[in-house]
Amino acid sequence: MGDLSSILFQATTWVLPALFAITFHEAAHGWVASKLGDDTALKQGRVTFNPLSHIDPLGTVLLPALLLVAGSPFLFGYAKPVPVNFRKLGRLKRDMVLVAAAGPGMNVLIALGCAFALHVAAVLPSWLGPWVGANLLHAIVLNIVLAVFNMLPVPPLDGGRVLVGLLPPPLDRRVARLERYGMFIVIGFLMLPPLIGYQLGIDLNVAAWVLGPPVDLVAGVIIWIAGSPL
């Protein structure tokens, strides 16, 4: 019974924050796009906090589960991307940047809100406090990692679209053309170095080396602002 309780505790304190992080991330893209003239996501019901509207069976459920079962040193997944018709945006380059940055920006705001909420979790009853606290801690970690990861400058990640919006012609078009290969680049970046390192008997977790410092920086700023009792 104790093992089952532990499994349920770990599952609920990771799954719930992950669902909220993904849902709010995607909804933020659609909401900002709708405010800037593109109602595509709004008409398709994607400007919603219902996680079922954003879950991709392969990317959100199957792929992370397979990596977890396989004992992978990292987890990777994705949600259904919110549809954006950039031709409907008022000022294409500027609005592309704002729509793309909305998702990671929302994740940072969620992490900050959870850091403030830890003060409340600390005074909750013993039967509730640890569960709420674990949810909040995991939400902080997941949202910061999701924000930093998505800001990698590779289309179709948000950072890639921000880069396209900031670059002058013809550089913007050249970077935009990478989108068709973007997911292969990202998956290769995440998977190939650790697999090669495993065969060589050395640590080649390049993703951790690249993402670790900015994740630590953002986490440190959030903890400082919230005065969080971590």
C-alpha atoms as a PDB file:
ATOM      1  CA  MET A   1       0.000   0.000   0.000  1.00  0.00           C
ATOM      2  CA  GLY A   2       2.878   2.314   0.792  1.00  0.00           C
ATOM      3  CA  ASP A   3       4.428   1.771  -2.644  1.00  0.00           C
ATOM      4  CA  LEU A   4       1.087   2.530  -4.305  1.00  0.00           C
ATOM      5  CA  SER A   5       0.711   5.728  -2.290  1.00  0.00           C
ATOM      6  CA  SER A   6       4.224   6.775  -3.250  1.00  0.00           C
ATOM      7  CA  ILE A   7       3.546   6.087  -6.946  1.00  0.00           C
ATOM      8  CA  LEU A   8       0.269   8.039  -6.824  1.00  0.00           C
ATOM      9  CA  PHE A   9       1.978  10.908  -5.012  1.00  0.00           C
ATOM     10  CA  GLN A  10       4.764  11.127  -7.588  1.00  0.00           C
ATOM     11  CA  ALA A  11       2.380  10.713 -10.531  1.00  0.00           C
ATOM     12  CA  THR A  12      -0.098  13.377  -9.443  1.00  0.00           C
ATOM     13  CA  THR A  13       2.574  15.868  -8.433  1.00  0.00           C
ATOM     14  CA  TRP A  14       4.257  15.635 -11.853  1.00  0.00           C
ATOM     15  CA  VAL A  15       1.321  14.999 -14.223  1.00  0.00           C
ATOM     16  CA  LEU A  16      -0.862  17.856 -12.978  1.00  0.00           C
ATOM     17  CA  PRO A  17       1.876  20.521 -13.223  1.00  0.00           C
ATOM     18  CA  ALA A  18       2.843  19.214 -16.673  1.00  0.00           C
ATOM     19  CA  LEU A  19      -0.735  19.439 -17.941  1.00  0.00           C
ATOM     20  CA  PHE A  20      -1.130  22.966 -16.599  1.00  0.00           C
ATOM     21  CA  ALA A  21       2.226  24.057 -18.057  1.00  0.00           C
ATOM     22  CA  ILE A  22       1.415  22.737 -21.537  1.00  0.00           C
ATOM     23  CA  THR A  23      -2.188  23.982 -21.493  1.00  0.00           C
ATOM     24  CA  PHE A  24      -1.403  27.535 -20.421  1.00  0.00           C
ATOM     25  CA  HIS A  25       1.576  27.685 -22.804  1.00  0.00           C
ATOM     26  CA  GLU A  26      -0.509  26.821 -25.856  1.00  0.00           C
ATOM     27  CA  ALA A  27      -3.532  28.880 -24.775  1.00  0.00           C
ATOM     28  CA  ALA A  28      -1.268  31.931 -24.392  1.00  0.00           C
ATOM     29  CA  HIS A  29      -0.127  31.619 -28.020  1.00  0.00           C
ATOM     30  CA  GLY A  30      -3.718  31.513 -29.232  1.00  0.00           C
ATOM     31  CA  TRP A  31      -4.917  34.323 -26.975  1.00  0.00           C
ATOM     32  CA  VAL A  32      -2.163  36.742 -28.031  1.00  0.00           C
ATOM     33  CA  ALA A  33      -2.714  35.844 -31.700  1.00  0.00           C
ATOM     34  CA  SER A  34      -6.432  36.581 -31.325  1.00  0.00           C
ATOM     35  CA  LYS A  35      -5.661  39.976 -29.800  1.00  0.00           C
ATOM     36  CA  LEU A  36      -3.354  40.779 -32.710  1.00  0.00           C
ATOM     37  CA  GLY A  37      -5.881  39.962 -35.434  1.00  0.00           C
ATOM     38  CA  ASP A  38      -5.660  36.201 -36.009  1.00  0.00           C
ATOM     39  CA  ASP A  39      -8.751  34.347 -34.751  1.00  0.00           C
ATOM     40  CA  THR A  40      -7.729  30.948 -36.187  1.00  0.00           C
ATOM     41  CA  ALA A  41      -6.976  29.343 -32.809  1.00  0.00           C
ATOM     42  CA  LEU A  42     -10.052  30.954 -31.258  1.00  0.00           C
ATOM     43  CA  LYS A  43     -12.352  29.482 -33.928  1.00  0.00           C
ATOM     44  CA  GLN A  44     -10.769  26.036 -33.474  1.00  0.00           C
ATOM     45  CA  GLY A  45     -11.328  26.085 -29.703  1.00  0.00           C
ATOM     46  CA  ARG A  46      -7.630  26.260 -28.869  1.00  0.00           C
ATOM     47  CA  VAL A  47      -7.823  29.395 -26.696  1.00  0.00           C
ATOM     48  CA  THR A  48      -8.907  27.293 -23.738  1.00  0.00           C
ATOM     49  CA  PHE A  49      -7.605  25.950 -20.448  1.00  0.00           C
ATOM     50  CA  ASN A  50      -8.998  22.484 -21.233  1.00  0.00           C
ATOM     51  CA  PRO A  51      -5.862  20.292 -21.500  1.00  0.00           C
ATOM     52  CA  LEU A  52      -7.658  17.811 -23.774  1.00  0.00           C
ATOM     53  CA  SER A  53      -7.659  20.460 -26.509  1.00  0.00           C
ATOM     54  CA  HIS A  54      -3.857  20.669 -26.459  1.00  0.00           C
ATOM     55  CA  ILE A  55      -2.734  17.086 -25.781  1.00  0.00           C
ATOM     56  CA  ASP A  56      -1.045  15.276 -28.647  1.00  0.00           C
ATOM     57  CA  PRO A  57      -1.375  11.477 -28.113  1.00  0.00           C
ATOM     58  CA  LEU A  58       2.109  10.818 -29.489  1.00  0.00           C
ATOM     59  CA  GLY A  59       4.054  13.829 -28.250  1.00  0.00           C
ATOM     60  CA  THR A  60       2.369  14.440 -24.896  1.00  0.00           C
ATOM     61  CA  VAL A  61       1.658  10.874 -23.784  1.00  0.00           C
ATOM     62  CA  LEU A  62       3.378   8.092 -25.734  1.00  0.00           C
ATOM     63  CA  LEU A  63       6.827   9.584 -26.351  1.00  0.00           C
ATOM     64  CA  PRO A  64       7.488  10.708 -22.728  1.00  0.00           C
ATOM     65  CA  ALA A  65       6.100   7.388 -21.428  1.00  0.00           C
ATOM     66  CA  LEU A  66       8.398   5.367 -23.691  1.00  0.00           C
ATOM     67  CA  LEU A  67      11.425   7.416 -22.678  1.00  0.00           C
ATOM     68  CA  LEU A  68      10.493   6.990 -19.002  1.00  0.00           C
ATOM     69  CA  VAL A  69      10.025   3.216 -19.307  1.00  0.00           C
ATOM     70  CA  ALA A  70      13.290   2.917 -21.255  1.00  0.00           C
ATOM     71  CA  GLY A  71      15.141   4.626 -18.418  1.00  0.00           C
ATOM     72  CA  SER A  72      16.148   7.555 -20.592  1.00  0.00           C
ATOM     73  CA  PRO A  73      18.311  10.211 -18.859  1.00  0.00           C
ATOM     74  CA  PHE A  74      15.988  12.891 -20.278  1.00  0.00           C
ATOM     75  CA  LEU A  75      12.302  13.325 -21.085  1.00  0.00           C
ATOM     76  CA  PHE A  76      10.989  14.994 -24.219  1.00  0.00           C
ATOM     77  CA  GLY A  77       7.464  15.705 -25.364  1.00  0.00           C
ATOM     78  CA  TYR A  78       5.303  18.243 -27.090  1.00  0.00           C
ATOM     79  CA  ALA A  79       1.693  19.385 -27.380  1.00  0.00           C
ATOM     80  CA  LYS A  80      -0.395  20.072 -30.460  1.00  0.00           C
ATOM     81  CA  PRO A  81       0.854  23.412 -31.799  1.00  0.00           C
ATOM     82  CA  VAL A  82      -1.703  26.210 -31.789  1.00  0.00           C
ATOM     83  CA  PRO A  83      -2.565  27.177 -35.388  1.00  0.00           C
ATOM     84  CA  VAL A  84      -1.511  30.711 -36.278  1.00  0.00           C
ATOM     85  CA  ASN A  85      -2.227  32.375 -39.623  1.00  0.00           C
ATOM     86  CA  PHE A  86       0.557  34.949 -39.728  1.00  0.00           C
ATOM     87  CA  ARG A  87      -1.024  36.673 -42.743  1.00  0.00           C
ATOM     88  CA  LYS A  88      -3.845  37.851 -40.478  1.00  0.00           C
ATOM     89  CA  LEU A  89      -1.506  39.579 -38.048  1.00  0.00           C
ATOM     90  CA  GLY A  90      -1.417  43.365 -38.229  1.00  0.00           C
ATOM     91  CA  ARG A  91       2.346  43.838 -38.163  1.00  0.00           C
ATOM     92  CA  LEU A  92       3.819  40.530 -39.274  1.00  0.00           C
ATOM     93  CA  LYS A  93       7.364  40.666 -37.871  1.00  0.00           C
ATOM     94  CA  ARG A  94       6.509  42.305 -34.548  1.00  0.00           C
ATOM     95  CA  ASP A  95       3.381  40.223 -33.981  1.00  0.00           C
ATOM     96  CA  MET A  96       5.184  36.977 -34.843  1.00  0.00           C
ATOM     97  CA  VAL A  97       7.635  37.713 -32.039  1.00  0.00           C
ATOM     98  CA  LEU A  98       4.838  38.532 -29.574  1.00  0.00           C
ATOM     99  CA  VAL A  99       2.805  35.405 -30.402  1.00  0.00           C
ATOM    100  CA  ALA A 100       5.866  33.149 -30.184  1.00  0.00           C
ATOM    101  CA  ALA A 101       7.102  34.692 -26.916  1.00  0.00           C
ATOM    102  CA  ALA A 102       3.661  34.433 -25.289  1.00  0.00           C
ATOM    103  CA  GLY A 103       3.996  30.722 -24.494  1.00  0.00           C
ATOM    104  CA  PRO A 104       7.377  30.855 -22.717  1.00  0.00           C
ATOM    105  CA  GLY A 105       6.331  34.124 -21.086  1.00  0.00           C
ATOM    106  CA  MET A 106       3.256  32.442 -19.630  1.00  0.00           C
ATOM    107  CA  ASN A 107       5.414  29.604 -18.280  1.00  0.00           C
ATOM    108  CA  VAL A 108       7.679  32.086 -16.496  1.00  0.00           C
ATOM    109  CA  LEU A 109       4.626  33.808 -14.971  1.00  0.00           C
ATOM    110  CA  ILE A 110       3.252  30.452 -13.776  1.00  0.00           C
ATOM    111  CA  ALA A 111       6.605  29.573 -12.210  1.00  0.00           C
ATOM    112  CA  LEU A 112       6.658  32.943 -10.447  1.00  0.00           C
ATOM    113  CA  GLY A 113       3.097  32.497  -9.188  1.00  0.00           C
ATOM    114  CA  CYS A 114       3.922  29.020  -7.874  1.00  0.00           C
ATOM    115  CA  ALA A 115       7.001  30.382  -6.101  1.00  0.00           C
ATOM    116  CA  PHE A 116       4.803  32.910  -4.270  1.00  0.00           C
ATOM    117  CA  ALA A 117       2.250  30.163  -3.507  1.00  0.00           C
ATOM    118  CA  LEU A 118       4.919  28.095  -1.723  1.00  0.00           C
ATOM    119  CA  HIS A 119       4.531  30.504   1.209  1.00  0.00           C
ATOM    120  CA  VAL A 120       0.919  29.342   1.539  1.00  0.00           C
ATOM    121  CA  ALA A 121       1.790  25.644   1.135  1.00  0.00           C
ATOM    122  CA  ALA A 122       4.221  25.968   4.044  1.00  0.00           C
ATOM    123  CA  VAL A 123       1.375  26.695   6.488  1.00  0.00           C
ATOM    124  CA  LEU A 124      -1.135  24.118   5.218  1.00  0.00           C
ATOM    125  CA  PRO A 125      -2.060  21.050   7.342  1.00  0.00           C
ATOM    126  CA  SER A 126       0.392  18.150   7.273  1.00  0.00           C
ATOM    127  CA  TRP A 127      -2.014  15.947   5.294  1.00  0.00           C
ATOM    128  CA  LEU A 128      -2.187  18.510   2.468  1.00  0.00           C
ATOM    129  CA  GLY A 129       0.914  20.696   2.618  1.00  0.00           C
ATOM    130  CA  PRO A 130       3.473  18.200   1.257  1.00  0.00           C
ATOM    131  CA  TRP A 131       1.288  17.330  -1.746  1.00  0.00           C
ATOM    132  CA  VAL A 132       0.574  20.964  -2.589  1.00  0.00           C
ATOM    133  CA  GLY A 133       4.214  21.885  -2.031  1.00  0.00           C
ATOM    134  CA  ALA A 134       5.431  19.099  -4.335  1.00  0.00           C
ATOM    135  CA  ASN A 135       3.001  20.209  -7.047  1.00  0.00           C
ATOM    136  CA  LEU A 136       4.234  23.777  -6.775  1.00  0.00           C
ATOM    137  CA  LEU A 137       7.913  22.810  -6.782  1.00  0.00           C
ATOM    138  CA  HIS A 138       7.471  20.552  -9.789  1.00  0.00           C
ATOM    139  CA  ALA A 139       5.443  23.264 -11.543  1.00  0.00           C
ATOM    140  CA  ILE A 140       8.281  25.736 -11.021  1.00  0.00           C
ATOM    141  CA  VAL A 141      10.828  23.312 -12.486  1.00  0.00           C
ATOM    142  CA  LEU A 142       8.649  22.207 -15.420  1.00  0.00           C
ATOM    143  CA  ASN A 143       7.574  25.704 -16.411  1.00  0.00           C
ATOM    144  CA  ILE A 144      11.104  27.103 -16.300  1.00  0.00           C
ATOM    145  CA  VAL A 145      12.507  24.196 -18.323  1.00  0.00           C
ATOM    146  CA  LEU A 146       9.630  24.455 -20.810  1.00  0.00           C
ATOM    147  CA  ALA A 147      10.181  28.203 -21.213  1.00  0.00           C
ATOM    148  CA  VAL A 148      13.952  27.912 -21.684  1.00  0.00           C
ATOM    149  CA  PHE A 149      13.725  24.893 -23.978  1.00  0.00           C
ATOM    150  CA  ASN A 150      11.140  26.543 -26.205  1.00  0.00           C
ATOM    151  CA  MET A 151      13.344  29.612 -26.570  1.00  0.00           C
ATOM    152  CA  LEU A 152      16.055  27.629 -28.345  1.00  0.00           C
ATOM    153  CA  PRO A 153      16.553  29.500 -31.641  1.00  0.00           C
ATOM    154  CA  VAL A 154      15.397  26.657 -33.898  1.00  0.00           C
ATOM    155  CA  PRO A 155      12.078  26.789 -35.786  1.00  0.00           C
ATOM    156  CA  PRO A 156       9.425  25.538 -35.076  1.00  0.00           C
ATOM    157  CA  LEU A 157      10.307  26.178 -31.421  1.00  0.00           C
ATOM    158  CA  ASP A 158       9.175  29.551 -30.121  1.00  0.00           C
ATOM    159  CA  GLY A 159      12.729  30.875 -29.978  1.00  0.00           C
ATOM    160  CA  GLY A 160      13.162  30.065 -33.661  1.00  0.00           C
ATOM    161  CA  ARG A 161      10.079  32.085 -34.551  1.00  0.00           C
ATOM    162  CA  VAL A 162      11.239  34.951 -32.361  1.00  0.00           C
ATOM    163  CA  LEU A 163      14.558  34.852 -34.226  1.00  0.00           C
ATOM    164  CA  VAL A 164      12.788  34.897 -37.610  1.00  0.00           C
ATOM    165  CA  GLY A 165      10.767  37.887 -36.467  1.00  0.00           C
ATOM    166  CA  LEU A 166      13.874  39.784 -35.368  1.00  0.00           C
ATOM    167  CA  LEU A 167      16.172  39.021 -38.297  1.00  0.00           C
ATOM    168  CA  PRO A 168      16.207  41.265 -41.393  1.00  0.00           C
ATOM    169  CA  PRO A 169      15.617  39.865 -44.900  1.00  0.00           C
ATOM    170  CA  PRO A 170      16.938  37.635 -46.353  1.00  0.00           C
ATOM    171  CA  LEU A 171      18.279  36.042 -43.138  1.00  0.00           C
ATOM    172  CA  ASP A 172      14.767  35.652 -41.750  1.00  0.00           C
ATOM    173  CA  ARG A 173      13.673  33.526 -44.705  1.00  0.00           C
ATOM    174  CA  ARG A 174      16.781  31.359 -44.501  1.00  0.00           C
ATOM    175  CA  VAL A 175      16.151  30.589 -40.845  1.00  0.00           C
ATOM    176  CA  ALA A 176      12.431  30.052 -41.496  1.00  0.00           C
ATOM    177  CA  ARG A 177      13.298  27.355 -44.049  1.00  0.00           C
ATOM    178  CA  LEU A 178      14.814  25.290 -41.213  1.00  0.00           C
ATOM    179  CA  GLU A 179      11.323  24.667 -39.835  1.00  0.00           C
ATOM    180  CA  ARG A 180      10.786  21.583 -41.993  1.00  0.00           C
ATOM    181  CA  TYR A 181      13.868  20.034 -40.376  1.00  0.00           C
ATOM    182  CA  GLY A 182      13.468  21.671 -36.973  1.00  0.00           C
ATOM    183  CA  MET A 183      12.061  18.756 -35.013  1.00  0.00           C
ATOM    184  CA  PHE A 184      14.762  16.437 -36.367  1.00  0.00           C
ATOM    185  CA  ILE A 185      17.391  18.962 -35.252  1.00  0.00           C
ATOM    186  CA  VAL A 186      15.835  19.246 -31.786  1.00  0.00           C
ATOM    187  CA  ILE A 187      15.425  15.493 -31.286  1.00  0.00           C
ATOM    188  CA  GLY A 188      18.971  14.923 -32.513  1.00  0.00           C
ATOM    189  CA  PHE A 189      20.240  17.585 -30.115  1.00  0.00           C
ATOM    190  CA  LEU A 190      18.469  15.844 -27.226  1.00  0.00           C
ATOM    191  CA  MET A 191      19.071  12.198 -28.066  1.00  0.00           C
ATOM    192  CA  LEU A 192      22.216  11.679 -30.121  1.00  0.00           C
ATOM    193  CA  PRO A 193      24.946  13.084 -27.822  1.00  0.00           C
ATOM    194  CA  PRO A 194      23.826  11.046 -24.756  1.00  0.00           C
ATOM    195  CA  LEU A 195      23.564   7.885 -26.876  1.00  0.00           C
ATOM    196  CA  ILE A 196      27.027   8.448 -28.356  1.00  0.00           C
ATOM    197  CA  GLY A 197      28.390   9.245 -24.904  1.00  0.00           C
ATOM    198  CA  TYR A 198      26.877   6.052 -23.512  1.00  0.00           C
ATOM    199  CA  GLN A 199      28.671   4.001 -26.155  1.00  0.00           C
ATOM    200  CA  LEU A 200      31.949   5.806 -25.386  1.00  0.00           C
ATOM    201  CA  GLY A 201      31.480   5.631 -21.629  1.00  0.00           C
ATOM    202  CA  ILE A 202      31.470   9.413 -21.177  1.00  0.00           C
ATOM    203  CA  ASP A 203      28.860  12.007 -20.275  1.00  0.00           C
ATOM    204  CA  LEU A 204      27.707  13.851 -23.399  1.00  0.00           C
ATOM    205  CA  ASN A 205      24.462  15.340 -22.104  1.00  0.00           C
ATOM    206  CA  VAL A 206      24.772  18.418 -24.295  1.00  0.00           C
ATOM    207  CA  ALA A 207      21.164  19.448 -23.649  1.00  0.00           C
ATOM    208  CA  ALA A 208      21.859  19.739 -19.921  1.00  0.00           C
ATOM    209  CA  TRP A 209      25.016  21.776 -20.598  1.00  0.00           C
ATOM    210  CA  VAL A 210      23.131  24.188 -22.859  1.00  0.00           C
ATOM    211  CA  LEU A 211      19.857  24.456 -20.925  1.00  0.00           C
ATOM    212  CA  GLY A 212      21.247  24.185 -17.390  1.00  0.00           C
ATOM    213  CA  PRO A 213      22.752  27.686 -16.976  1.00  0.00           C
ATOM    214  CA  PRO A 214      19.718  29.648 -18.277  1.00  0.00           C
ATOM    215  CA  VAL A 215      17.353  27.418 -16.263  1.00  0.00           C
ATOM    216  CA  ASP A 216      19.395  28.096 -13.114  1.00  0.00           C
ATOM    217  CA  LEU A 217      19.467  31.819 -13.897  1.00  0.00           C
ATOM    218  CA  VAL A 218      15.690  32.093 -14.391  1.00  0.00           C
ATOM    219  CA  ALA A 219      15.034  29.956 -11.303  1.00  0.00           C
ATOM    220  CA  GLY A 220      17.352  32.134  -9.221  1.00  0.00           C
ATOM    221  CA  VAL A 221      15.606  35.339 -10.323  1.00  0.00           C
ATOM    222  CA  ILE A 222      12.153  33.872  -9.615  1.00  0.00           C
ATOM    223  CA  ILE A 223      13.192  32.659  -6.164  1.00  0.00           C
ATOM    224  CA  TRP A 224      14.718  36.059  -5.407  1.00  0.00           C
ATOM    225  CA  ILE A 225      11.588  37.926  -6.476  1.00  0.00           C
ATOM    226  CA  ALA A 226       9.190  35.652  -4.601  1.00  0.00           C
ATOM    227  CA  GLY A 227      11.404  35.244  -1.557  1.00  0.00           C
ATOM    228  CA  SER A 228      10.434  31.621  -1.915  1.00  0.00           C
ATOM    229  CA  PRO A 229      11.073  29.243   1.018  1.00  0.00           C
ATOM    230  CA  LEU A 230      12.959  26.684  -1.103  1.00  0.00           C
END
